[in-house]
Amino acid sequence: MPPPLPAPKTVWLWTAIMAAGAHLPLISLLMIWAQEGHCGDGLCGFMESVFVWLLCGFVALVAAIVGLARGERPRWLALVALATMVVPMAVLMGVAAL
């Protein structure tokens, strides 16, 4: 009987977490660059921020799905990627509503 195969390393799940967390520094850089110029509508960098957030979310989702399909353990790391993406935006929306 051959020995059992080792579990794959969690490269894709950690990649999903890093991609999910990458939107925070990227949006901060966009806001800094938007302050240097003038914009008449007051939405400097808004659409760019939305696109960055969606792109980071898409990459995190794809990386998490690939990691789960490969059978990487522990599987709860996929939930960490989701929380890393959603929690900061929920806090930001809550603060903005005040």
N, C-alpha and C. Protein backbone atom coordinates (compact mmCIF):
# COMPACT_ATOMS: atom_id res chain seq x y z
N MET A 1 0.84 -1.17 0.00
CA MET A 1 0.00 0.00 0.00
C MET A 1 0.90 1.25 0.00
N PRO A 2 0.69 2.16 -0.97
CA PRO A 2 1.55 3.36 -1.02
C PRO A 2 1.22 4.32 0.12
N PRO A 3 2.21 5.11 0.52
CA PRO A 3 1.95 6.07 1.60
C PRO A 3 0.97 7.14 1.14
N PRO A 4 0.20 7.73 2.07
CA PRO A 4 -0.75 8.78 1.67
C PRO A 4 -0.03 10.01 1.16
N LEU A 5 -0.68 10.67 0.23
CA LEU A 5 -0.09 11.89 -0.34
C LEU A 5 -0.16 13.02 0.68
N PRO A 6 0.85 13.84 0.75
CA PRO A 6 0.80 14.96 1.70
C PRO A 6 -0.22 16.01 1.24
N ALA A 7 -0.77 16.71 2.19
CA ALA A 7 -1.73 17.78 1.86
C ALA A 7 -0.99 18.90 1.14
N PRO A 8 -1.61 19.51 0.13
CA PRO A 8 -0.95 20.61 -0.57
C PRO A 8 -0.73 21.81 0.35
N LYS A 9 0.30 22.55 0.07
CA LYS A 9 0.56 23.76 0.85
C LYS A 9 -0.57 24.77 0.60
N THR A 10 -0.75 25.68 1.52
CA THR A 10 -1.87 26.62 1.45
C THR A 10 -1.50 27.89 0.68
N VAL A 11 -0.82 27.74 -0.42
CA VAL A 11 -0.37 28.90 -1.19
C VAL A 11 -1.55 29.70 -1.74
N TRP A 12 -2.53 29.03 -2.30
CA TRP A 12 -3.65 29.75 -2.94
C TRP A 12 -4.54 30.43 -1.92
N LEU A 13 -4.73 29.80 -0.77
CA LEU A 13 -5.58 30.43 0.24
C LEU A 13 -4.90 31.66 0.84
N TRP A 14 -3.60 31.59 1.06
CA TRP A 14 -2.88 32.79 1.54
C TRP A 14 -2.86 33.87 0.47
N THR A 15 -2.78 33.47 -0.80
CA THR A 15 -2.85 34.44 -1.89
C THR A 15 -4.21 35.13 -1.89
N ALA A 16 -5.27 34.38 -1.60
CA ALA A 16 -6.61 34.96 -1.54
C ALA A 16 -6.69 36.00 -0.41
N ILE A 17 -6.08 35.71 0.72
CA ILE A 17 -6.10 36.65 1.85
C ILE A 17 -5.32 37.91 1.49
N MET A 18 -4.16 37.75 0.86
CA MET A 18 -3.37 38.92 0.49
C MET A 18 -4.08 39.76 -0.57
N ALA A 19 -4.73 39.11 -1.53
CA ALA A 19 -5.46 39.86 -2.56
C ALA A 19 -6.64 40.59 -1.95
N ALA A 20 -7.30 39.98 -0.98
CA ALA A 20 -8.44 40.62 -0.34
C ALA A 20 -7.99 41.83 0.49
N GLY A 21 -6.84 41.73 1.11
CA GLY A 21 -6.34 42.84 1.91
C GLY A 21 -5.63 43.92 1.11
N ALA A 22 -5.34 43.65 -0.15
CA ALA A 22 -4.61 44.61 -0.97
C ALA A 22 -5.43 45.84 -1.31
N HIS A 23 -6.75 45.77 -1.19
CA HIS A 23 -7.56 46.92 -1.58
C HIS A 23 -7.37 48.10 -0.62
N LEU A 24 -7.01 47.84 0.64
CA LEU A 24 -6.84 48.94 1.60
C LEU A 24 -5.68 49.87 1.22
N PRO A 25 -4.45 49.35 1.02
CA PRO A 25 -3.38 50.28 0.61
C PRO A 25 -3.58 50.86 -0.78
N LEU A 26 -4.19 50.10 -1.69
CA LEU A 26 -4.40 50.63 -3.03
C LEU A 26 -5.40 51.79 -3.02
N ILE A 27 -6.46 51.66 -2.26
CA ILE A 27 -7.44 52.74 -2.19
C ILE A 27 -6.85 53.95 -1.47
N SER A 28 -6.00 53.71 -0.45
CA SER A 28 -5.33 54.82 0.22
C SER A 28 -4.44 55.60 -0.74
N LEU A 29 -3.71 54.88 -1.59
CA LEU A 29 -2.89 55.55 -2.60
C LEU A 29 -3.74 56.33 -3.58
N LEU A 30 -4.87 55.76 -3.99
CA LEU A 30 -5.76 56.48 -4.90
C LEU A 30 -6.27 57.78 -4.27
N MET A 31 -6.60 57.73 -2.98
CA MET A 31 -7.10 58.93 -2.31
C MET A 31 -6.00 59.99 -2.21
N ILE A 32 -4.78 59.58 -1.95
CA ILE A 32 -3.66 60.54 -1.88
C ILE A 32 -3.46 61.19 -3.24
N TRP A 33 -3.49 60.39 -4.30
CA TRP A 33 -3.29 60.94 -5.65
C TRP A 33 -4.47 61.81 -6.07
N ALA A 34 -5.66 61.49 -5.61
CA ALA A 34 -6.84 62.28 -5.99
C ALA A 34 -6.82 63.65 -5.32
N GLN A 35 -6.17 63.78 -4.17
CA GLN A 35 -6.11 65.06 -3.48
C GLN A 35 -5.18 66.04 -4.18
N GLU A 36 -4.27 65.53 -4.99
CA GLU A 36 -3.33 66.40 -5.68
C GLU A 36 -3.98 67.17 -6.81
N GLY A 37 -4.99 66.59 -7.42
CA GLY A 37 -5.66 67.25 -8.54
C GLY A 37 -6.95 67.90 -8.09
N HIS A 38 -7.62 68.52 -9.04
CA HIS A 38 -8.90 69.15 -8.75
C HIS A 38 -10.00 68.39 -9.48
N CYS A 39 -11.10 68.18 -8.78
CA CYS A 39 -12.23 67.54 -9.43
C CYS A 39 -13.48 68.33 -9.08
N GLY A 40 -14.31 68.55 -10.07
CA GLY A 40 -15.48 69.39 -9.88
C GLY A 40 -16.66 68.68 -9.26
N ASP A 41 -16.73 67.36 -9.39
CA ASP A 41 -17.92 66.67 -8.90
C ASP A 41 -17.80 66.19 -7.47
N GLY A 42 -16.63 66.27 -6.85
CA GLY A 42 -16.44 65.85 -5.47
C GLY A 42 -16.30 64.34 -5.30
N LEU A 43 -16.26 63.61 -6.38
CA LEU A 43 -16.12 62.16 -6.31
C LEU A 43 -14.74 61.72 -6.78
N CYS A 44 -13.73 62.45 -6.39
CA CYS A 44 -12.36 62.14 -6.83
C CYS A 44 -11.98 60.72 -6.42
N GLY A 45 -11.72 59.88 -7.36
CA GLY A 45 -11.26 58.53 -7.10
C GLY A 45 -12.35 57.56 -6.69
N PHE A 46 -13.62 57.94 -6.73
CA PHE A 46 -14.67 57.03 -6.27
C PHE A 46 -14.78 55.80 -7.17
N MET A 47 -14.94 56.03 -8.47
CA MET A 47 -15.09 54.89 -9.37
C MET A 47 -13.82 54.04 -9.42
N GLU A 48 -12.67 54.68 -9.34
CA GLU A 48 -11.42 53.92 -9.31
C GLU A 48 -11.37 53.03 -8.07
N SER A 49 -11.83 53.56 -6.94
CA SER A 49 -11.84 52.78 -5.70
C SER A 49 -12.79 51.59 -5.82
N VAL A 50 -13.93 51.80 -6.44
CA VAL A 50 -14.88 50.70 -6.63
C VAL A 50 -14.25 49.63 -7.52
N PHE A 51 -13.59 50.04 -8.59
CA PHE A 51 -12.97 49.07 -9.49
C PHE A 51 -11.84 48.31 -8.79
N VAL A 52 -11.03 49.00 -7.99
CA VAL A 52 -9.97 48.33 -7.25
C VAL A 52 -10.55 47.31 -6.29
N TRP A 53 -11.61 47.69 -5.56
CA TRP A 53 -12.22 46.79 -4.61
C TRP A 53 -12.80 45.56 -5.31
N LEU A 54 -13.47 45.77 -6.44
CA LEU A 54 -14.04 44.64 -7.18
C LEU A 54 -12.96 43.73 -7.76
N LEU A 55 -11.89 44.32 -8.28
CA LEU A 55 -10.81 43.52 -8.85
C LEU A 55 -10.12 42.69 -7.76
N CYS A 56 -9.84 43.31 -6.62
CA CYS A 56 -9.23 42.56 -5.52
C CYS A 56 -10.16 41.45 -5.03
N GLY A 57 -11.45 41.74 -4.99
CA GLY A 57 -12.42 40.72 -4.60
C GLY A 57 -12.48 39.57 -5.58
N PHE A 58 -12.42 39.88 -6.87
CA PHE A 58 -12.44 38.84 -7.89
C PHE A 58 -11.20 37.95 -7.79
N VAL A 59 -10.04 38.56 -7.65
CA VAL A 59 -8.79 37.78 -7.52
C VAL A 59 -8.82 36.93 -6.26
N ALA A 60 -9.32 37.49 -5.16
CA ALA A 60 -9.40 36.72 -3.91
C ALA A 60 -10.37 35.55 -4.06
N LEU A 61 -11.48 35.77 -4.73
CA LEU A 61 -12.46 34.69 -4.93
C LEU A 61 -11.88 33.58 -5.80
N VAL A 62 -11.23 33.95 -6.88
CA VAL A 62 -10.63 32.94 -7.77
C VAL A 62 -9.54 32.16 -7.02
N ALA A 63 -8.69 32.85 -6.28
CA ALA A 63 -7.62 32.17 -5.54
C ALA A 63 -8.19 31.25 -4.46
N ALA A 64 -9.25 31.69 -3.79
CA ALA A 64 -9.88 30.83 -2.77
C ALA A 64 -10.51 29.60 -3.39
N ILE A 65 -11.17 29.75 -4.53
CA ILE A 65 -11.79 28.61 -5.20
C ILE A 65 -10.72 27.62 -5.67
N VAL A 66 -9.63 28.13 -6.22
CA VAL A 66 -8.55 27.23 -6.67
C VAL A 66 -7.95 26.51 -5.47
N GLY A 67 -7.74 27.23 -4.36
CA GLY A 67 -7.19 26.60 -3.17
C GLY A 67 -8.11 25.53 -2.61
N LEU A 68 -9.40 25.82 -2.59
CA LEU A 68 -10.35 24.81 -2.09
C LEU A 68 -10.44 23.62 -3.03
N ALA A 69 -10.37 23.87 -4.34
CA ALA A 69 -10.42 22.78 -5.31
C ALA A 69 -9.19 21.88 -5.21
N ARG A 70 -8.05 22.46 -4.85
CA ARG A 70 -6.83 21.67 -4.68
C ARG A 70 -6.83 20.90 -3.37
N GLY A 71 -7.78 21.19 -2.49
CA GLY A 71 -7.86 20.49 -1.21
C GLY A 71 -6.91 21.03 -0.17
N GLU A 72 -6.58 22.30 -0.28
CA GLU A 72 -5.67 22.89 0.69
C GLU A 72 -6.34 22.96 2.06
N ARG A 73 -5.57 22.73 3.08
CA ARG A 73 -6.06 22.78 4.45
C ARG A 73 -5.30 23.85 5.20
N PRO A 74 -5.81 24.52 6.16
CA PRO A 74 -7.17 24.48 6.68
C PRO A 74 -8.13 25.28 5.78
N ARG A 75 -9.31 24.78 5.62
CA ARG A 75 -10.29 25.38 4.72
C ARG A 75 -10.85 26.70 5.25
N TRP A 76 -10.76 26.94 6.54
CA TRP A 76 -11.31 28.18 7.10
C TRP A 76 -10.54 29.40 6.63
N LEU A 77 -9.38 29.24 6.03
CA LEU A 77 -8.63 30.38 5.49
C LEU A 77 -9.42 31.07 4.38
N ALA A 78 -10.27 30.33 3.68
CA ALA A 78 -11.11 30.96 2.65
C ALA A 78 -12.08 31.94 3.30
N LEU A 79 -12.56 31.63 4.49
CA LEU A 79 -13.44 32.57 5.21
C LEU A 79 -12.68 33.80 5.68
N VAL A 80 -11.41 33.63 6.01
CA VAL A 80 -10.59 34.78 6.40
C VAL A 80 -10.44 35.74 5.23
N ALA A 81 -10.28 35.18 4.03
CA ALA A 81 -10.19 36.04 2.84
C ALA A 81 -11.47 36.83 2.64
N LEU A 82 -12.61 36.19 2.83
CA LEU A 82 -13.90 36.88 2.70
C LEU A 82 -14.03 37.97 3.77
N ALA A 83 -13.67 37.65 4.99
CA ALA A 83 -13.76 38.64 6.07
C ALA A 83 -12.81 39.80 5.83
N THR A 84 -11.63 39.52 5.29
CA THR A 84 -10.66 40.58 5.01
C THR A 84 -11.19 41.53 3.95
N MET A 85 -12.05 41.03 3.08
CA MET A 85 -12.61 41.85 2.02
C MET A 85 -13.83 42.64 2.49
N VAL A 86 -14.68 42.01 3.29
CA VAL A 86 -15.97 42.60 3.62
C VAL A 86 -15.93 43.49 4.86
N VAL A 87 -15.24 43.07 5.91
CA VAL A 87 -15.27 43.79 7.19
C VAL A 87 -14.80 45.24 7.07
N PRO A 88 -13.64 45.53 6.42
CA PRO A 88 -13.24 46.94 6.33
C PRO A 88 -14.25 47.80 5.56
N MET A 89 -14.86 47.24 4.53
CA MET A 89 -15.84 48.02 3.77
C MET A 89 -17.11 48.24 4.59
N ALA A 90 -17.51 47.24 5.39
CA ALA A 90 -18.69 47.41 6.23
C ALA A 90 -18.44 48.48 7.30
N VAL A 91 -17.26 48.49 7.86
CA VAL A 91 -16.91 49.53 8.85
C VAL A 91 -16.89 50.90 8.19
N LEU A 92 -16.31 50.97 7.00
CA LEU A 92 -16.26 52.24 6.29
C LEU A 92 -17.66 52.75 5.96
N MET A 93 -18.54 51.89 5.51
CA MET A 93 -19.91 52.30 5.19
C MET A 93 -20.66 52.70 6.46
N GLY A 94 -20.39 52.01 7.56
CA GLY A 94 -21.02 52.37 8.82
C GLY A 94 -20.57 53.72 9.32
N VAL A 95 -19.30 54.01 9.19
CA VAL A 95 -18.76 55.31 9.61
C VAL A 95 -19.26 56.41 8.68
N ALA A 96 -19.36 56.13 7.39
CA ALA A 96 -19.82 57.13 6.44
C ALA A 96 -21.30 57.48 6.65
N ALA A 97 -22.05 56.52 7.21
CA ALA A 97 -23.48 56.77 7.43
C ALA A 97 -23.74 57.63 8.67
N LEU A 98 -22.73 57.80 9.51
CA LEU A 98 -22.92 58.60 10.72
C LEU A 98 -23.04 60.07 10.44
